């Protein structure tokens, strides 16, 4: 497959849409351990980041987090507040910002299907590594990675594959609608 150009949204409306989709995706979760569930957040976050500029992707993540901190139930399991943000999810949420900017920046040039998948994997790695690092506040090193990294790896691979398909499909729809 030839490299494709990906359309980039640059409006404030796209920020609001991004936050809304991220908030809904956070509610799609599977409990796997005592700390955090597998959610649809990273699937939505990483896939949508392909269609935003780095600035907009980062701003959308920060807006999402601010809404959650201020009490809107946008985090997983309709949770909200400073305690949720600063708790065991803290590192993962910070990873959202870095991963969104990372993917958005790398996808500025034309890219192929393999790169889309690898960028998704890279985004998941950023989120999982940062999340596991911040779990060191609660757990020793080995447990932080056993609880906060390894259980999420298969989900990250599956979500990266699904995300690649979503990016390709959505980009095709956008390109066809622009003709």
Foldseek 3Di string as FASTA:
>chain_A
DDFDAFAADEDVVLLVVLLVVLLVQQAAFDDDDDQDTDTRNLLSLLLCLLRHALVSSLVSLVVSQVCQQVPQQRHYPRHGHPCVCPDLQVQLSVLSSVLSSQNNVVNNDTGDLVVQLVSLLVSLCSNQVSSLVVCVVPDPNVVSCVRRPVVCNVVSNVSSVVSSVVNVVVRVVVVVVVD
